[in-house]
């Protein structure tokens, strides 16, 4: 008896896992983890975030965000400065090297996504994006 066809939610999960595996493996040349990239990326858009804001964006504990930023700082990709408005807060700024790396890795990530979606026509990609956006917008 053939295996049953996977349901749609299972296909979404399997697709996301495959994309995540490719994404994680592709980061090796830059010696950066997905969490490190996401934290670095958070520092390159808008004003320098506080550590607590990075934790919120990554949906991780503040202590874990501190460890991620420690790692980025050790690699010379970010620097910490005291907040000028709150002496208890620390802001995280990208260095020039961090900004360049974030841009390069973001472009690579976009290319990976395009490769994964290559079997689809541009219209199908647009339709898939619209459907997934609608699902996420309606999620609790």
C-alpha atoms as a PDB file:
ATOM      1  CA  UNK A   1       0.000   0.000   0.000  1.00  0.00           C
ATOM      2  CA  UNK A   2       1.508   3.406  -0.972  1.00  0.00           C
ATOM      3  CA  UNK A   3       2.187   5.988   1.692  1.00  0.00           C
ATOM      4  CA  UNK A   4      -0.593   8.524   2.124  1.00  0.00           C
ATOM      5  CA  UNK A   5      -0.160  11.921   0.507  1.00  0.00           C
ATOM      6  CA  UNK A   6       1.090  14.511   3.010  1.00  0.00           C
ATOM      7  CA  UNK A   7      -1.423  17.193   3.898  1.00  0.00           C
ATOM      8  CA  UNK A   8      -0.821  20.822   3.023  1.00  0.00           C
ATOM      9  CA  UNK A   9       0.433  21.832   6.467  1.00  0.00           C
ATOM     10  CA  UNK A  10       2.990  19.022   6.381  1.00  0.00           C
ATOM     11  CA  UNK A  11       4.213  20.205   2.969  1.00  0.00           C
ATOM     12  CA  UNK A  12       4.618  23.740   4.327  1.00  0.00           C
ATOM     13  CA  UNK A  13       6.620  22.452   7.309  1.00  0.00           C
ATOM     14  CA  UNK A  14       8.819  20.250   5.107  1.00  0.00           C
ATOM     15  CA  UNK A  15       9.455  23.131   2.694  1.00  0.00           C
ATOM     16  CA  UNK A  16      10.384  25.467   5.557  1.00  0.00           C
ATOM     17  CA  UNK A  17      12.740  22.853   7.030  1.00  0.00           C
ATOM     18  CA  UNK A  18      14.456  22.316   3.690  1.00  0.00           C
ATOM     19  CA  UNK A  19      14.903  26.061   3.205  1.00  0.00           C
ATOM     20  CA  UNK A  20      16.226  26.426   6.777  1.00  0.00           C
ATOM     21  CA  UNK A  21      18.730  23.570   6.293  1.00  0.00           C
ATOM     22  CA  UNK A  22      19.998  25.169   3.083  1.00  0.00           C
ATOM     23  CA  UNK A  23      20.147  28.557   4.792  1.00  0.00           C
ATOM     24  CA  UNK A  24      22.126  27.237   7.787  1.00  0.00           C
ATOM     25  CA  UNK A  25      24.576  25.332   5.592  1.00  0.00           C
ATOM     26  CA  UNK A  26      25.098  28.337   3.340  1.00  0.00           C
ATOM     27  CA  UNK A  27      26.208  30.530   6.270  1.00  0.00           C
ATOM     28  CA  UNK A  28      29.341  28.479   6.953  1.00  0.00           C
ATOM     29  CA  UNK A  29      31.660  30.549   4.704  1.00  0.00           C
ATOM     30  CA  UNK A  30      30.799  33.653   6.737  1.00  0.00           C
ATOM     31  CA  UNK A  31      31.186  31.899  10.112  1.00  0.00           C
ATOM     32  CA  UNK A  32      27.834  33.264  11.249  1.00  0.00           C
ATOM     33  CA  UNK A  33      24.753  31.529  12.643  1.00  0.00           C
ATOM     34  CA  UNK A  34      21.161  32.324  11.664  1.00  0.00           C
ATOM     35  CA  UNK A  35      20.596  34.013  15.064  1.00  0.00           C
ATOM     36  CA  UNK A  36      23.749  36.073  14.617  1.00  0.00           C
ATOM     37  CA  UNK A  37      22.653  37.138  11.149  1.00  0.00           C
ATOM     38  CA  UNK A  38      19.179  38.096  12.347  1.00  0.00           C
ATOM     39  CA  UNK A  39      20.663  40.117  15.228  1.00  0.00           C
ATOM     40  CA  UNK A  40      23.164  41.799  12.911  1.00  0.00           C
ATOM     41  CA  UNK A  41      20.409  42.502  10.401  1.00  0.00           C
ATOM     42  CA  UNK A  42      18.355  44.124  13.185  1.00  0.00           C
ATOM     43  CA  UNK A  43      21.172  46.595  13.817  1.00  0.00           C
ATOM     44  CA  UNK A  44      21.355  47.734  10.192  1.00  0.00           C
ATOM     45  CA  UNK A  45      17.802  49.045   9.830  1.00  0.00           C
ATOM     46  CA  UNK A  46      16.787  52.254  11.547  1.00  0.00           C
ATOM     47  CA  UNK A  47      18.294  53.447  14.791  1.00  0.00           C
ATOM     48  CA  UNK A  48      20.627  51.270  16.821  1.00  0.00           C
ATOM     49  CA  UNK A  49      18.474  48.859  18.825  1.00  0.00           C
ATOM     50  CA  UNK A  50      18.772  48.091  22.518  1.00  0.00           C
ATOM     51  CA  UNK A  51      19.692  44.551  23.511  1.00  0.00           C
ATOM     52  CA  UNK A  52      16.102  44.046  24.703  1.00  0.00           C
ATOM     53  CA  UNK A  53      14.791  45.036  21.261  1.00  0.00           C
ATOM     54  CA  UNK A  54      17.086  42.509  19.606  1.00  0.00           C
ATOM     55  CA  UNK A  55      15.786  39.835  21.990  1.00  0.00           C
ATOM     56  CA  UNK A  56      12.209  40.771  21.076  1.00  0.00           C
ATOM     57  CA  UNK A  57      12.916  40.705  17.332  1.00  0.00           C
ATOM     58  CA  UNK A  58      14.614  37.312  17.567  1.00  0.00           C
ATOM     59  CA  UNK A  59      11.989  36.047  20.039  1.00  0.00           C
ATOM     60  CA  UNK A  60      14.687  34.904  22.451  1.00  0.00           C
ATOM     61  CA  UNK A  61      15.499  35.591  26.095  1.00  0.00           C
ATOM     62  CA  UNK A  62      17.483  38.782  26.809  1.00  0.00           C
ATOM     63  CA  UNK A  63      20.349  36.660  28.159  1.00  0.00           C
ATOM     64  CA  UNK A  64      20.508  34.788  24.843  1.00  0.00           C
ATOM     65  CA  UNK A  65      20.501  38.075  22.938  1.00  0.00           C
ATOM     66  CA  UNK A  66      23.460  39.193  25.045  1.00  0.00           C
ATOM     67  CA  UNK A  67      25.338  36.023  24.066  1.00  0.00           C
ATOM     68  CA  UNK A  68      24.555  36.546  20.365  1.00  0.00           C
ATOM     69  CA  UNK A  69      25.705  40.180  20.515  1.00  0.00           C
ATOM     70  CA  UNK A  70      28.830  39.121  22.449  1.00  0.00           C
ATOM     71  CA  UNK A  71      29.670  36.772  19.584  1.00  0.00           C
ATOM     72  CA  UNK A  72      29.045  39.454  16.954  1.00  0.00           C
ATOM     73  CA  UNK A  73      31.164  41.909  18.909  1.00  0.00           C
ATOM     74  CA  UNK A  74      34.019  39.397  19.194  1.00  0.00           C
ATOM     75  CA  UNK A  75      33.895  39.027  15.390  1.00  0.00           C
ATOM     76  CA  UNK A  76      34.102  42.801  14.956  1.00  0.00           C
ATOM     77  CA  UNK A  77      30.633  43.062  13.432  1.00  0.00           C
ATOM     78  CA  UNK A  78      28.923  45.223  16.081  1.00  0.00           C
ATOM     79  CA  UNK A  79      29.855  47.583  18.878  1.00  0.00           C
ATOM     80  CA  UNK A  80      27.966  48.547  22.002  1.00  0.00           C
ATOM     81  CA  UNK A  81      27.442  52.094  23.225  1.00  0.00           C
ATOM     82  CA  UNK A  82      25.558  53.472  26.213  1.00  0.00           C
ATOM     83  CA  UNK A  83      22.167  54.933  25.371  1.00  0.00           C
ATOM     84  CA  UNK A  84      22.242  58.726  25.518  1.00  0.00           C
ATOM     85  CA  UNK A  85      18.687  58.770  26.918  1.00  0.00           C
ATOM     86  CA  UNK A  86      18.764  55.823  29.348  1.00  0.00           C
ATOM     87  CA  UNK A  87      21.972  55.113  31.197  1.00  0.00           C
ATOM     88  CA  UNK A  88      20.797  51.570  32.009  1.00  0.00           C
ATOM     89  CA  UNK A  89      20.403  50.691  28.314  1.00  0.00           C
ATOM     90  CA  UNK A  90      23.016  49.626  25.797  1.00  0.00           C
ATOM     91  CA  UNK A  91      22.645  50.255  22.077  1.00  0.00           C
ATOM     92  CA  UNK A  92      24.063  47.913  19.443  1.00  0.00           C
ATOM     93  CA  UNK A  93      25.571  49.463  16.314  1.00  0.00           C
ATOM     94  CA  UNK A  94      26.887  47.609  13.264  1.00  0.00           C
ATOM     95  CA  UNK A  95      30.503  48.229  12.341  1.00  0.00           C
ATOM     96  CA  UNK A  96      31.363  48.912   8.697  1.00  0.00           C
ATOM     97  CA  UNK A  97      32.366  45.250   8.403  1.00  0.00           C
ATOM     98  CA  UNK A  98      29.090  44.199  10.025  1.00  0.00           C
ATOM     99  CA  UNK A  99      27.017  46.344   7.696  1.00  0.00           C
ATOM    100  CA  UNK A 100      28.849  44.957   4.639  1.00  0.00           C
ATOM    101  CA  UNK A 101      28.459  41.370   5.850  1.00  0.00           C
ATOM    102  CA  UNK A 102      24.750  41.845   6.586  1.00  0.00           C
ATOM    103  CA  UNK A 103      24.185  43.171   3.072  1.00  0.00           C
ATOM    104  CA  UNK A 104      26.160  40.343   1.458  1.00  0.00           C
ATOM    105  CA  UNK A 105      24.411  37.618   3.466  1.00  0.00           C
ATOM    106  CA  UNK A 106      20.962  39.165   2.884  1.00  0.00           C
ATOM    107  CA  UNK A 107      21.598  39.095  -0.862  1.00  0.00           C
ATOM    108  CA  UNK A 108      22.730  35.477  -0.623  1.00  0.00           C
ATOM    109  CA  UNK A 109      19.604  34.579   1.372  1.00  0.00           C
ATOM    110  CA  UNK A 110      17.434  36.144  -1.305  1.00  0.00           C
ATOM    111  CA  UNK A 111      19.242  34.104  -3.970  1.00  0.00           C
ATOM    112  CA  UNK A 112      18.655  30.899  -1.985  1.00  0.00           C
ATOM    113  CA  UNK A 113      14.954  31.646  -1.835  1.00  0.00           C
ATOM    114  CA  UNK A 114      14.840  32.299  -5.562  1.00  0.00           C
ATOM    115  CA  UNK A 115      16.608  29.000  -6.231  1.00  0.00           C
ATOM    116  CA  UNK A 116      14.129  27.124  -4.066  1.00  0.00           C
ATOM    117  CA  UNK A 117      11.198  28.725  -5.904  1.00  0.00           C
ATOM    118  CA  UNK A 118      12.738  28.229  -9.364  1.00  0.00           C
ATOM    119  CA  UNK A 119      10.298  25.422 -10.319  1.00  0.00           C
ATOM    120  CA  UNK A 120       7.439  27.949 -10.090  1.00  0.00           C
ATOM    121  CA  UNK A 121       6.494  30.592 -12.637  1.00  0.00           C
ATOM    122  CA  UNK A 122       6.692  34.247 -11.543  1.00  0.00           C
ATOM    123  CA  UNK A 123       2.888  34.304 -11.352  1.00  0.00           C
ATOM    124  CA  UNK A 124       2.866  31.207  -9.134  1.00  0.00           C
ATOM    125  CA  UNK A 125       5.478  32.774  -6.833  1.00  0.00           C
ATOM    126  CA  UNK A 126       3.327  35.902  -6.521  1.00  0.00           C
ATOM    127  CA  UNK A 127       0.250  33.802  -5.812  1.00  0.00           C
ATOM    128  CA  UNK A 128       2.104  31.686  -3.232  1.00  0.00           C
ATOM    129  CA  UNK A 129       3.409  34.840  -1.539  1.00  0.00           C
ATOM    130  CA  UNK A 130      -0.111  36.275  -1.410  1.00  0.00           C
ATOM    131  CA  UNK A 131      -1.524  33.073   0.069  1.00  0.00           C
ATOM    132  CA  UNK A 132       1.202  32.718   2.693  1.00  0.00           C
ATOM    133  CA  UNK A 133       0.875  36.380   3.634  1.00  0.00           C
ATOM    134  CA  UNK A 134      -2.867  35.961   4.073  1.00  0.00           C
ATOM    135  CA  UNK A 135      -2.349  32.900   6.273  1.00  0.00           C
ATOM    136  CA  UNK A 136       0.215  34.730   8.427  1.00  0.00           C
ATOM    137  CA  UNK A 137      -1.922  37.869   8.666  1.00  0.00           C
ATOM    138  CA  UNK A 138      -4.843  35.812   9.988  1.00  0.00           C
ATOM    139  CA  UNK A 139      -2.715  33.807  12.455  1.00  0.00           C
ATOM    140  CA  UNK A 140      -3.297  34.503  16.152  1.00  0.00           C
END
